[in-house]
Amino acid sequence: MNNALSGIDMALWDIKGKQAGLPVYELLGGKCRDGIALYVHTDGADEVEVEDSARAKMEEGYQYIRCQMGMYGGAGTDDLRLIANRMVKAKNIQPKRSPRTKAPGIYFDPEAYAKSIPRLFDHLRNKLGFSVELLHDAHERITPINAIHMAKALEPYQLFFLEDPVAPENTEWLKMLRQQSSTPIAMGELFVNVNEWKPLIDNKLIDYIRCHISSIGGITPAKKIAIYSELNGVRTAWHSPGDISPIGVCANMHLDLSSPNFGIQEYTPMNDALREVFPGCPEVDQGYAYVNDKPGLGIDINEALAAKFPCEGGNPTWTMARTPDGTVWRP
């Protein structure tokens, strides 16, 4: 339901902008900045691969880099990292899981993961220094007490933020986390109502709102929560993974341009085919995004061309997580 309402809301803002002859960011209050700072994703089977991937992004001009090891939430053990990366040598590793577990999936050890991530960032800071901003996404995959331990252990490495350290149903634990760690926290990718952020903002438990705007009703409620966050010293970091359309990306970016408390924008690079199907995609240069000044959201869809790229079925491997004993784990 929320996704449908969000689509209607975004379309209405687009229509209103076109009728007024103005880009949506002008309707939202006007530009606060010229470029939109982006963070991009890096991954790798081990610390060295993540370092190499991060260096490649730095050479492209990105100054904010999310670092993962193996899969969402990190694999945590050698065999799982290798399997997640489909490396041939994975077959030579003895799996660290129940010998009788045969269920398909990507096996994930939350305890090992929580210990491996501080080692990852120790390596990255030693090799890359502190001039680049580094982020990490826990993806709600560890227990609350492990999240607290990990946030404390990450303090020396000065992350830009640690994302979703606890699940939405465990946000009460953020009070204890906040008392024991100064690592900045981004929260809310899975929230579906703006009121879910209110107690976290009121009690100063988070630093960034991680909001998937098509899950909460669109641009209208997103602007409301952005304004409320601004009044409380919390910044925006709209959710923008590779599985949302460029139209959703542009909706995020019009909010970015018009929000004084903009923090950072997640970004997944767009290939040529995607840019052809969606004329008007934002331009990216040296780690910053630039939207055009056309009326509305400034982007369209070529439906005839889109028909040449039908959706493929199947589940992404990262959604098929299991713990070492075979228990299904949250994606």
C-alpha atoms as a PDB file:
ATOM      1  CA  MET A   1       0.000   0.000   0.000  1.00  0.00           C
ATOM      2  CA  ASN A   2       2.705   2.493   0.977  1.00  0.00           C
ATOM      3  CA  ASN A   3       4.604   1.831  -2.241  1.00  0.00           C
ATOM      4  CA  ALA A   4       1.482   2.586  -4.276  1.00  0.00           C
ATOM      5  CA  LEU A   5       0.760   5.754  -2.294  1.00  0.00           C
ATOM      6  CA  SER A   6       4.382   6.812  -2.646  1.00  0.00           C
ATOM      7  CA  GLY A   7       4.253   6.425  -6.410  1.00  0.00           C
ATOM      8  CA  ILE A   8       1.136   8.586  -6.585  1.00  0.00           C
ATOM      9  CA  ASP A   9       2.680  11.207  -4.303  1.00  0.00           C
ATOM     10  CA  MET A  10       5.864  11.432  -6.387  1.00  0.00           C
ATOM     11  CA  ALA A  11       3.830  11.638  -9.589  1.00  0.00           C
ATOM     12  CA  LEU A  12       1.743  14.489  -8.177  1.00  0.00           C
ATOM     13  CA  TRP A  13       4.882  16.455  -7.274  1.00  0.00           C
ATOM     14  CA  ASP A  14       6.199  15.824 -10.789  1.00  0.00           C
ATOM     15  CA  ILE A  15       2.909  17.020 -12.322  1.00  0.00           C
ATOM     16  CA  LYS A  16       2.786  20.087 -10.091  1.00  0.00           C
ATOM     17  CA  GLY A  17       6.332  21.017 -11.067  1.00  0.00           C
ATOM     18  CA  LYS A  18       5.533  20.685 -14.752  1.00  0.00           C
ATOM     19  CA  GLN A  19       2.398  22.793 -14.395  1.00  0.00           C
ATOM     20  CA  ALA A  20       4.368  25.477 -12.564  1.00  0.00           C
ATOM     21  CA  GLY A  21       7.333  25.238 -14.915  1.00  0.00           C
ATOM     22  CA  LEU A  22       9.631  24.595 -11.939  1.00  0.00           C
ATOM     23  CA  PRO A  23      11.819  21.717 -10.758  1.00  0.00           C
ATOM     24  CA  VAL A  24      10.480  19.949  -7.675  1.00  0.00           C
ATOM     25  CA  TYR A  25      13.348  21.199  -5.520  1.00  0.00           C
ATOM     26  CA  GLU A  26      12.048  24.755  -6.047  1.00  0.00           C
ATOM     27  CA  LEU A  27       8.591  23.697  -4.869  1.00  0.00           C
ATOM     28  CA  LEU A  28      10.227  22.199  -1.764  1.00  0.00           C
ATOM     29  CA  GLY A  29      11.893  25.475  -0.815  1.00  0.00           C
ATOM     30  CA  GLY A  30      14.689  25.981  -3.300  1.00  0.00           C
ATOM     31  CA  LYS A  31      18.298  24.880  -3.636  1.00  0.00           C
ATOM     32  CA  CYS A  32      20.519  24.754  -0.566  1.00  0.00           C
ATOM     33  CA  ARG A  33      23.524  23.475  -2.533  1.00  0.00           C
ATOM     34  CA  ASP A  34      24.797  22.950  -6.063  1.00  0.00           C
ATOM     35  CA  GLY A  35      26.102  19.383  -5.864  1.00  0.00           C
ATOM     36  CA  ILE A  36      24.931  16.383  -3.867  1.00  0.00           C
ATOM     37  CA  ALA A  37      27.693  14.475  -2.070  1.00  0.00           C
ATOM     38  CA  LEU A  38      27.402  10.734  -2.690  1.00  0.00           C
ATOM     39  CA  TYR A  39      28.520   7.577  -0.987  1.00  0.00           C
ATOM     40  CA  VAL A  40      29.079   4.400  -2.963  1.00  0.00           C
ATOM     41  CA  HIS A  41      29.421   0.731  -2.060  1.00  0.00           C
ATOM     42  CA  THR A  42      32.564  -1.376  -1.933  1.00  0.00           C
ATOM     43  CA  ASP A  43      32.912  -5.039  -1.086  1.00  0.00           C
ATOM     44  CA  GLY A  44      35.491  -7.794  -1.030  1.00  0.00           C
ATOM     45  CA  ALA A  45      36.281 -11.281   0.209  1.00  0.00           C
ATOM     46  CA  ASP A  46      38.855  -9.930   2.675  1.00  0.00           C
ATOM     47  CA  GLU A  47      40.389  -6.708   3.950  1.00  0.00           C
ATOM     48  CA  VAL A  48      42.773  -6.342   1.009  1.00  0.00           C
ATOM     49  CA  GLU A  49      40.009  -6.716  -1.590  1.00  0.00           C
ATOM     50  CA  VAL A  50      37.897  -4.112   0.212  1.00  0.00           C
ATOM     51  CA  GLU A  51      40.902  -1.786   0.306  1.00  0.00           C
ATOM     52  CA  ASP A  52      41.496  -2.230  -3.430  1.00  0.00           C
ATOM     53  CA  SER A  53      37.840  -1.584  -4.175  1.00  0.00           C
ATOM     54  CA  ALA A  54      37.836   1.528  -1.988  1.00  0.00           C
ATOM     55  CA  ARG A  55      40.961   2.863  -3.700  1.00  0.00           C
ATOM     56  CA  ALA A  56      39.272   2.454  -7.078  1.00  0.00           C
ATOM     57  CA  LYS A  57      36.301   4.508  -5.873  1.00  0.00           C
ATOM     58  CA  MET A  58      38.611   7.160  -4.450  1.00  0.00           C
ATOM     59  CA  GLU A  59      40.320   7.446  -7.834  1.00  0.00           C
ATOM     60  CA  GLU A  60      36.892   8.141  -9.356  1.00  0.00           C
ATOM     61  CA  GLY A  61      36.537  11.068  -6.966  1.00  0.00           C
ATOM     62  CA  TYR A  62      34.272   9.582  -4.297  1.00  0.00           C
ATOM     63  CA  GLN A  63      35.002  10.846  -0.788  1.00  0.00           C
ATOM     64  CA  TYR A  64      32.410   8.750   1.069  1.00  0.00           C
ATOM     65  CA  ILE A  65      32.629   4.967   0.786  1.00  0.00           C
ATOM     66  CA  ARG A  66      30.571   2.214   2.380  1.00  0.00           C
ATOM     67  CA  CYS A  67      32.761  -0.809   3.113  1.00  0.00           C
ATOM     68  CA  GLN A  68      31.375  -4.335   3.460  1.00  0.00           C
ATOM     69  CA  MET A  69      33.115  -7.684   3.586  1.00  0.00           C
ATOM     70  CA  GLY A  70      31.490 -10.584   1.747  1.00  0.00           C
ATOM     71  CA  MET A  71      27.767  -9.766   1.809  1.00  0.00           C
ATOM     72  CA  TYR A  72      25.249  -7.487   3.492  1.00  0.00           C
ATOM     73  CA  GLY A  73      26.209  -7.562   7.120  1.00  0.00           C
ATOM     74  CA  GLY A  74      29.518  -9.196   6.227  1.00  0.00           C
ATOM     75  CA  ALA A  75      30.160 -12.906   6.114  1.00  0.00           C
ATOM     76  CA  GLY A  76      32.524 -12.978   9.058  1.00  0.00           C
ATOM     77  CA  THR A  77      34.377 -16.223   8.310  1.00  0.00           C
ATOM     78  CA  ASP A  78      36.717 -17.159   5.486  1.00  0.00           C
ATOM     79  CA  ASP A  79      34.530 -19.809   3.911  1.00  0.00           C
ATOM     80  CA  LEU A  80      31.439 -17.609   3.907  1.00  0.00           C
ATOM     81  CA  ARG A  81      33.242 -14.620   2.438  1.00  0.00           C
ATOM     82  CA  LEU A  82      34.594 -16.772  -0.353  1.00  0.00           C
ATOM     83  CA  ILE A  83      31.271 -18.420  -1.095  1.00  0.00           C
ATOM     84  CA  ALA A  84      29.516 -15.053  -1.115  1.00  0.00           C
ATOM     85  CA  ASN A  85      32.001 -13.831  -3.701  1.00  0.00           C
ATOM     86  CA  ARG A  86      31.701 -17.012  -5.783  1.00  0.00           C
ATOM     87  CA  MET A  87      35.429 -17.619  -5.649  1.00  0.00           C
ATOM     88  CA  VAL A  88      36.720 -20.930  -6.973  1.00  0.00           C
ATOM     89  CA  LYS A  89      38.981 -21.496  -3.975  1.00  0.00           C
ATOM     90  CA  ALA A  90      35.927 -21.572  -1.720  1.00  0.00           C
ATOM     91  CA  LYS A  91      35.599 -25.274  -2.474  1.00  0.00           C
ATOM     92  CA  ASN A  92      38.904 -25.865  -0.675  1.00  0.00           C
ATOM     93  CA  ILE A  93      37.681 -24.313   2.573  1.00  0.00           C
ATOM     94  CA  GLN A  94      36.098 -26.452   5.285  1.00  0.00           C
ATOM     95  CA  PRO A  95      32.709 -24.857   6.024  1.00  0.00           C
ATOM     96  CA  LYS A  96      32.414 -23.555   9.588  1.00  0.00           C
ATOM     97  CA  ARG A  97      28.843 -24.685  10.066  1.00  0.00           C
ATOM     98  CA  SER A  98      26.814 -27.663  11.185  1.00  0.00           C
ATOM     99  CA  PRO A  99      28.109 -30.702   9.253  1.00  0.00           C
ATOM    100  CA  ARG A 100      24.551 -31.968   8.763  1.00  0.00           C
ATOM    101  CA  THR A 101      23.091 -28.695   7.518  1.00  0.00           C
ATOM    102  CA  LYS A 102      22.170 -29.008   3.850  1.00  0.00           C
ATOM    103  CA  ALA A 103      19.617 -26.224   3.320  1.00  0.00           C
ATOM    104  CA  PRO A 104      20.555 -23.837   0.486  1.00  0.00           C
ATOM    105  CA  GLY A 105      21.559 -20.297   1.299  1.00  0.00           C
ATOM    106  CA  ILE A 106      24.424 -17.988   2.169  1.00  0.00           C
ATOM    107  CA  TYR A 107      25.629 -18.987   5.616  1.00  0.00           C
ATOM    108  CA  PHE A 108      26.337 -16.170   8.012  1.00  0.00           C
ATOM    109  CA  ASP A 109      27.914 -16.190  11.485  1.00  0.00           C
ATOM    110  CA  PRO A 110      26.713 -13.083  13.390  1.00  0.00           C
ATOM    111  CA  GLU A 111      29.267 -13.510  16.179  1.00  0.00           C
ATOM    112  CA  ALA A 112      32.230 -13.848  13.823  1.00  0.00           C
ATOM    113  CA  TYR A 113      30.976 -10.964  11.711  1.00  0.00           C
ATOM    114  CA  ALA A 114      30.749  -8.602  14.691  1.00  0.00           C
ATOM    115  CA  LYS A 115      34.397  -9.348  15.491  1.00  0.00           C
ATOM    116  CA  SER A 116      35.639  -9.129  11.898  1.00  0.00           C
ATOM    117  CA  ILE A 117      34.361  -5.640  11.059  1.00  0.00           C
ATOM    118  CA  PRO A 118      36.544  -3.695  13.530  1.00  0.00           C
ATOM    119  CA  ARG A 119      39.539  -5.558  12.076  1.00  0.00           C
ATOM    120  CA  LEU A 120      38.420  -4.503   8.591  1.00  0.00           C
ATOM    121  CA  PHE A 121      38.328  -0.826   9.523  1.00  0.00           C
ATOM    122  CA  ASP A 122      41.612  -1.063  11.390  1.00  0.00           C
ATOM    123  CA  HIS A 123      43.161  -2.290   8.141  1.00  0.00           C
ATOM    124  CA  LEU A 124      41.436   0.369   6.038  1.00  0.00           C
ATOM    125  CA  ARG A 125      42.434   3.282   8.261  1.00  0.00           C
ATOM    126  CA  ASN A 126      46.031   2.058   8.385  1.00  0.00           C
ATOM    127  CA  LYS A 127      46.133   1.843   4.583  1.00  0.00           C
ATOM    128  CA  LEU A 128      43.831   4.680   3.487  1.00  0.00           C
ATOM    129  CA  GLY A 129      44.189   7.115   6.357  1.00  0.00           C
ATOM    130  CA  PHE A 130      41.459   9.373   7.699  1.00  0.00           C
ATOM    131  CA  SER A 131      41.007  11.751   4.759  1.00  0.00           C
ATOM    132  CA  VAL A 132      38.271   9.563   3.245  1.00  0.00           C
ATOM    133  CA  GLU A 133      34.919   9.051   4.982  1.00  0.00           C
ATOM    134  CA  LEU A 134      34.071   5.386   5.611  1.00  0.00           C
ATOM    135  CA  LEU A 135      30.655   3.899   6.384  1.00  0.00           C
ATOM    136  CA  HIS A 136      29.328   0.446   7.243  1.00  0.00           C
ATOM    137  CA  ASP A 137      25.905  -1.219   7.095  1.00  0.00           C
ATOM    138  CA  ALA A 138      25.145  -3.848   9.754  1.00  0.00           C
ATOM    139  CA  HIS A 139      21.789  -4.515   8.047  1.00  0.00           C
ATOM    140  CA  GLU A 140      20.106  -5.441  11.357  1.00  0.00           C
ATOM    141  CA  ARG A 141      21.872  -8.813  11.220  1.00  0.00           C
ATOM    142  CA  ILE A 142      23.443  -8.942  14.663  1.00  0.00           C
ATOM    143  CA  THR A 143      22.037  -9.089  18.177  1.00  0.00           C
ATOM    144  CA  PRO A 144      21.605  -5.776  19.984  1.00  0.00           C
ATOM    145  CA  ILE A 145      24.382  -6.507  22.489  1.00  0.00           C
ATOM    146  CA  ASN A 146      26.774  -7.389  19.661  1.00  0.00           C
ATOM    147  CA  ALA A 147      25.794  -4.143  17.948  1.00  0.00           C
ATOM    148  CA  ILE A 148      26.837  -2.244  21.073  1.00  0.00           C
ATOM    149  CA  HIS A 149      30.150  -4.103  21.262  1.00  0.00           C
ATOM    150  CA  MET A 150      30.814  -3.422  17.582  1.00  0.00           C
ATOM    151  CA  ALA A 151      29.910   0.280  17.766  1.00  0.00           C
ATOM    152  CA  LYS A 152      32.310   0.697  20.691  1.00  0.00           C
ATOM    153  CA  ALA A 153      35.074  -1.199  18.900  1.00  0.00           C
ATOM    154  CA  LEU A 154      34.647   1.005  15.806  1.00  0.00           C
ATOM    155  CA  GLU A 155      35.119   4.300  17.650  1.00  0.00           C
ATOM    156  CA  PRO A 156      38.872   4.661  16.915  1.00  0.00           C
ATOM    157  CA  TYR A 157      38.196   4.429  13.166  1.00  0.00           C
ATOM    158  CA  GLN A 158      35.812   7.413  13.074  1.00  0.00           C
ATOM    159  CA  LEU A 159      33.105   6.088  10.766  1.00  0.00           C
ATOM    160  CA  PHE A 160      30.890   8.626   9.029  1.00  0.00           C
ATOM    161  CA  PHE A 161      28.085   6.416  10.307  1.00  0.00           C
ATOM    162  CA  LEU A 162      27.142   2.861  11.242  1.00  0.00           C
ATOM    163  CA  GLU A 163      23.882   1.959   9.546  1.00  0.00           C
ATOM    164  CA  ASP A 164      20.990  -0.018  11.025  1.00  0.00           C
ATOM    165  CA  PRO A 165      22.870  -1.649  13.924  1.00  0.00           C
ATOM    166  CA  VAL A 166      19.595  -3.011  15.335  1.00  0.00           C
ATOM    167  CA  ALA A 167      16.316  -4.209  13.867  1.00  0.00           C
ATOM    168  CA  PRO A 168      13.245  -1.924  13.901  1.00  0.00           C
ATOM    169  CA  GLU A 169      11.716  -3.973  16.723  1.00  0.00           C
ATOM    170  CA  ASN A 170      14.846  -3.487  18.853  1.00  0.00           C
ATOM    171  CA  THR A 171      15.256   0.297  18.722  1.00  0.00           C
ATOM    172  CA  GLU A 172      14.972   0.533  22.533  1.00  0.00           C
ATOM    173  CA  TRP A 173      18.513  -0.841  22.585  1.00  0.00           C
ATOM    174  CA  LEU A 174      19.745   2.337  20.913  1.00  0.00           C
ATOM    175  CA  LYS A 175      19.563   4.045  24.313  1.00  0.00           C
ATOM    176  CA  MET A 176      22.230   1.710  25.683  1.00  0.00           C
ATOM    177  CA  LEU A 177      24.252   1.953  22.479  1.00  0.00           C
ATOM    178  CA  ARG A 178      24.187   5.751  22.629  1.00  0.00           C
ATOM    179  CA  GLN A 179      25.326   5.743  26.249  1.00  0.00           C
ATOM    180  CA  GLN A 180      28.323   3.559  25.467  1.00  0.00           C
ATOM    181  CA  SER A 181      29.511   4.631  22.014  1.00  0.00           C
ATOM    182  CA  SER A 182      30.126   7.845  20.084  1.00  0.00           C
ATOM    183  CA  THR A 183      29.979   6.116  16.680  1.00  0.00           C
ATOM    184  CA  PRO A 184      27.391   8.043  14.590  1.00  0.00           C
ATOM    185  CA  ILE A 185      24.236   6.037  13.889  1.00  0.00           C
ATOM    186  CA  ALA A 186      21.976   6.002  10.812  1.00  0.00           C
ATOM    187  CA  MET A 187      18.655   4.235  11.249  1.00  0.00           C
ATOM    188  CA  GLY A 188      15.373   3.538   9.528  1.00  0.00           C
ATOM    189  CA  GLU A 189      15.767   1.823   6.171  1.00  0.00           C
ATOM    190  CA  LEU A 190      12.955  -0.596   7.086  1.00  0.00           C
ATOM    191  CA  PHE A 191      10.631   1.917   8.755  1.00  0.00           C
ATOM    192  CA  VAL A 192       7.246   2.424   7.086  1.00  0.00           C
ATOM    193  CA  ASN A 193       5.857   5.380   9.049  1.00  0.00           C
ATOM    194  CA  VAL A 194       7.406   8.759   9.849  1.00  0.00           C
ATOM    195  CA  ASN A 195       6.386   8.370  13.497  1.00  0.00           C
ATOM    196  CA  GLU A 196       8.888   5.538  13.892  1.00  0.00           C
ATOM    197  CA  TRP A 197      11.700   8.102  13.752  1.00  0.00           C
ATOM    198  CA  LYS A 198      10.131  10.531  16.217  1.00  0.00           C
ATOM    199  CA  PRO A 199      11.240   8.903  19.509  1.00  0.00           C
ATOM    200  CA  LEU A 200      14.715   8.282  18.099  1.00  0.00           C
ATOM    201  CA  ILE A 201      15.040  11.929  17.064  1.00  0.00           C
ATOM    202  CA  ASP A 202      13.451  13.298  20.249  1.00  0.00           C
ATOM    203  CA  ASN A 203      15.827  11.291  22.438  1.00  0.00           C
ATOM    204  CA  LYS A 204      18.902  12.079  20.307  1.00  0.00           C
ATOM    205  CA  LEU A 205      19.525   8.395  19.601  1.00  0.00           C
ATOM    206  CA  ILE A 206      20.452   8.750  15.921  1.00  0.00           C
ATOM    207  CA  ASP A 207      22.469  11.106  13.744  1.00  0.00           C
ATOM    208  CA  TYR A 208      20.993  10.324  10.309  1.00  0.00           C
ATOM    209  CA  ILE A 209      17.566   9.255   9.088  1.00  0.00           C
ATOM    210  CA  ARG A 210      17.879   6.320   6.702  1.00  0.00           C
ATOM    211  CA  CYS A 211      14.549   6.572   4.948  1.00  0.00           C
ATOM    212  CA  HIS A 212      13.259   4.653   1.936  1.00  0.00           C
ATOM    213  CA  ILE A 213      10.817   7.295   0.779  1.00  0.00           C
ATOM    214  CA  SER A 214       8.715   4.895  -1.297  1.00  0.00           C
ATOM    215  CA  SER A 215       8.042   2.916   1.905  1.00  0.00           C
ATOM    216  CA  ILE A 216       6.634   5.839   3.898  1.00  0.00           C
ATOM    217  CA  GLY A 217       4.331   7.549   1.390  1.00  0.00           C
ATOM    218  CA  GLY A 218       6.611   9.529  -0.895  1.00  0.00           C
ATOM    219  CA  ILE A 219       8.106  13.012  -1.029  1.00  0.00           C
ATOM    220  CA  THR A 220       5.469  14.690   1.166  1.00  0.00           C
ATOM    221  CA  PRO A 221       6.092  12.714   4.385  1.00  0.00           C
ATOM    222  CA  ALA A 222       9.823  12.605   3.633  1.00  0.00           C
ATOM    223  CA  LYS A 223       9.955  16.417   3.594  1.00  0.00           C
ATOM    224  CA  LYS A 224       8.093  16.509   6.908  1.00  0.00           C
ATOM    225  CA  ILE A 225      10.530  14.152   8.618  1.00  0.00           C
ATOM    226  CA  ALA A 226      13.472  16.057   7.118  1.00  0.00           C
ATOM    227  CA  ILE A 227      12.195  19.315   8.625  1.00  0.00           C
ATOM    228  CA  TYR A 228      11.595  17.680  12.005  1.00  0.00           C
ATOM    229  CA  SER A 229      15.088  16.192  11.899  1.00  0.00           C
ATOM    230  CA  GLU A 230      16.597  19.595  11.111  1.00  0.00           C
ATOM    231  CA  LEU A 231      15.039  21.063  14.255  1.00  0.00           C
ATOM    232  CA  ASN A 232      16.771  18.363  16.295  1.00  0.00           C
ATOM    233  CA  GLY A 233      20.231  18.300  14.740  1.00  0.00           C
ATOM    234  CA  VAL A 234      19.681  15.112  12.725  1.00  0.00           C
ATOM    235  CA  ARG A 235      20.677  14.901   9.063  1.00  0.00           C
ATOM    236  CA  THR A 236      19.274  13.060   6.050  1.00  0.00           C
ATOM    237  CA  ALA A 237      20.663   9.983   4.302  1.00  0.00           C
ATOM    238  CA  TRP A 238      17.895   8.730   2.012  1.00  0.00           C
ATOM    239  CA  HIS A 239      17.986   5.049   1.117  1.00  0.00           C
ATOM    240  CA  SER A 240      18.916   4.587  -2.555  1.00  0.00           C
ATOM    241  CA  PRO A 241      20.125   1.057  -3.392  1.00  0.00           C
ATOM    242  CA  GLY A 242      20.525  -0.349  -6.877  1.00  0.00           C
ATOM    243  CA  ASP A 243      17.042  -1.865  -6.924  1.00  0.00           C
ATOM    244  CA  ILE A 244      15.122   1.416  -7.019  1.00  0.00           C
ATOM    245  CA  SER A 245      14.472   3.181 -10.302  1.00  0.00           C
ATOM    246  CA  PRO A 246      16.185   6.382 -11.440  1.00  0.00           C
ATOM    247  CA  ILE A 247      12.855   8.119 -10.816  1.00  0.00           C
ATOM    248  CA  GLY A 248      13.161   7.232  -7.135  1.00  0.00           C
ATOM    249  CA  VAL A 249      16.783   8.385  -7.211  1.00  0.00           C
ATOM    250  CA  CYS A 250      15.720  11.774  -8.587  1.00  0.00           C
ATOM    251  CA  ALA A 251      13.013  12.095  -5.928  1.00  0.00           C
ATOM    252  CA  ASN A 252      15.705  11.571  -3.284  1.00  0.00           C
ATOM    253  CA  MET A 253      17.958  14.146  -4.897  1.00  0.00           C
ATOM    254  CA  HIS A 254      15.328  16.874  -5.121  1.00  0.00           C
ATOM    255  CA  LEU A 255      14.899  16.423  -1.369  1.00  0.00           C
ATOM    256  CA  ASP A 256      18.690  16.555  -0.969  1.00  0.00           C
ATOM    257  CA  LEU A 257      18.932  19.862  -2.803  1.00  0.00           C
ATOM    258  CA  SER A 258      16.172  21.487  -0.768  1.00  0.00           C
ATOM    259  CA  SER A 259      17.062  20.205   2.729  1.00  0.00           C
ATOM    260  CA  PRO A 260      19.408  22.374   4.847  1.00  0.00           C
ATOM    261  CA  ASN A 261      20.197  19.323   6.990  1.00  0.00           C
ATOM    262  CA  PHE A 262      21.296  17.136   4.090  1.00  0.00           C
ATOM    263  CA  GLY A 263      23.907  14.646   5.260  1.00  0.00           C
ATOM    264  CA  ILE A 264      24.835  12.277   2.445  1.00  0.00           C
ATOM    265  CA  GLN A 265      23.171  10.444  -0.458  1.00  0.00           C
ATOM    266  CA  GLU A 266      23.595   6.741  -1.168  1.00  0.00           C
ATOM    267  CA  TYR A 267      24.257   6.091  -4.849  1.00  0.00           C
ATOM    268  CA  THR A 268      24.561   3.094  -7.158  1.00  0.00           C
ATOM    269  CA  PRO A 269      26.164   3.951 -10.526  1.00  0.00           C
ATOM    270  CA  MET A 270      23.787   3.731 -13.504  1.00  0.00           C
ATOM    271  CA  ASN A 271      24.779   1.927 -16.690  1.00  0.00           C
ATOM    272  CA  ASP A 272      24.164   3.220 -20.213  1.00  0.00           C
ATOM    273  CA  ALA A 273      21.060   1.078 -20.759  1.00  0.00           C
ATOM    274  CA  LEU A 274      19.428   2.472 -17.631  1.00  0.00           C
ATOM    275  CA  ARG A 275      20.201   6.020 -18.691  1.00  0.00           C
ATOM    276  CA  GLU A 276      18.665   5.378 -22.116  1.00  0.00           C
ATOM    277  CA  VAL A 277      15.472   3.958 -20.627  1.00  0.00           C
ATOM    278  CA  PHE A 278      15.229   6.860 -18.156  1.00  0.00           C
ATOM    279  CA  PRO A 279      16.275  10.075 -19.951  1.00  0.00           C
ATOM    280  CA  GLY A 280      17.121  12.795 -17.470  1.00  0.00           C
ATOM    281  CA  CYS A 281      19.198  10.738 -15.023  1.00  0.00           C
ATOM    282  CA  PRO A 282      21.417  12.834 -12.750  1.00  0.00           C
ATOM    283  CA  GLU A 283      24.970  13.522 -13.847  1.00  0.00           C
ATOM    284  CA  VAL A 284      27.773  12.378 -11.553  1.00  0.00           C
ATOM    285  CA  ASP A 285      31.195  13.991 -11.423  1.00  0.00           C
ATOM    286  CA  GLN A 286      33.962  13.479  -8.841  1.00  0.00           C
ATOM    287  CA  GLY A 287      31.664  12.076  -6.183  1.00  0.00           C
ATOM    288  CA  TYR A 288      28.860  14.625  -6.599  1.00  0.00           C
ATOM    289  CA  ALA A 289      25.488  14.327  -8.333  1.00  0.00           C
ATOM    290  CA  TYR A 290      23.811  17.095 -10.329  1.00  0.00           C
ATOM    291  CA  VAL A 291      20.150  17.031 -11.334  1.00  0.00           C
ATOM    292  CA  ASN A 292      18.865  19.063 -14.274  1.00  0.00           C
ATOM    293  CA  ASP A 293      16.621  22.105 -13.879  1.00  0.00           C
ATOM    294  CA  LYS A 294      13.741  20.828 -16.011  1.00  0.00           C
ATOM    295  CA  PRO A 295      10.202  21.154 -14.611  1.00  0.00           C
ATOM    296  CA  GLY A 296       9.044  18.419 -12.240  1.00  0.00           C
ATOM    297  CA  LEU A 297      11.492  15.668 -11.333  1.00  0.00           C
ATOM    298  CA  GLY A 298      13.291  16.225 -14.635  1.00  0.00           C
ATOM    299  CA  ILE A 299      13.243  12.560 -15.626  1.00  0.00           C
ATOM    300  CA  ASP A 300      11.073  10.395 -17.871  1.00  0.00           C
ATOM    301  CA  ILE A 301      10.740   6.755 -18.915  1.00  0.00           C
ATOM    302  CA  ASN A 302      10.949   5.359 -22.436  1.00  0.00           C
ATOM    303  CA  GLU A 303       8.401   2.555 -22.116  1.00  0.00           C
ATOM    304  CA  ALA A 304       9.107   1.072 -25.547  1.00  0.00           C
ATOM    305  CA  LEU A 305      12.788   0.755 -24.739  1.00  0.00           C
ATOM    306  CA  ALA A 306      12.053  -0.495 -21.220  1.00  0.00           C
ATOM    307  CA  ALA A 307      10.073  -3.397 -22.707  1.00  0.00           C
ATOM    308  CA  LYS A 308      13.340  -4.754 -24.099  1.00  0.00           C
ATOM    309  CA  PHE A 309      14.591  -5.336 -20.551  1.00  0.00           C
ATOM    310  CA  PRO A 310      12.043  -7.634 -18.845  1.00  0.00           C
ATOM    311  CA  CYS A 311      12.425  -8.356 -15.144  1.00  0.00           C
ATOM    312  CA  GLU A 312      14.214 -11.566 -14.269  1.00  0.00           C
ATOM    313  CA  GLY A 313      12.893 -13.824 -11.511  1.00  0.00           C
ATOM    314  CA  GLY A 314      14.708 -15.358  -8.566  1.00  0.00           C
ATOM    315  CA  ASN A 315      15.889 -14.131  -5.208  1.00  0.00           C
ATOM    316  CA  PRO A 316      19.162 -12.255  -4.701  1.00  0.00           C
ATOM    317  CA  THR A 317      21.623 -14.413  -2.787  1.00  0.00           C
ATOM    318  CA  TRP A 318      21.927 -11.841   0.012  1.00  0.00           C
ATOM    319  CA  THR A 319      18.271 -12.467   0.927  1.00  0.00           C
ATOM    320  CA  MET A 320      18.943 -16.173   1.584  1.00  0.00           C
ATOM    321  CA  ALA A 321      20.937 -15.841   4.801  1.00  0.00           C
ATOM    322  CA  ARG A 322      21.242 -18.630   7.359  1.00  0.00           C
ATOM    323  CA  THR A 323      23.190 -18.974  10.588  1.00  0.00           C
ATOM    324  CA  PRO A 324      25.757 -21.812  10.906  1.00  0.00           C
ATOM    325  CA  ASP A 325      23.159 -24.222  12.304  1.00  0.00           C
ATOM    326  CA  GLY A 326      20.848 -23.642   9.325  1.00  0.00           C
ATOM    327  CA  THR A 327      18.428 -21.174  10.919  1.00  0.00           C
ATOM    328  CA  VAL A 328      16.896 -18.703   8.459  1.00  0.00           C
ATOM    329  CA  TRP A 329      18.227 -15.222   9.307  1.00  0.00           C
ATOM    330  CA  ARG A 330      16.874 -11.803   8.437  1.00  0.00           C
ATOM    331  CA  PRO A 331      18.016 -10.523   5.005  1.00  0.00           C
END
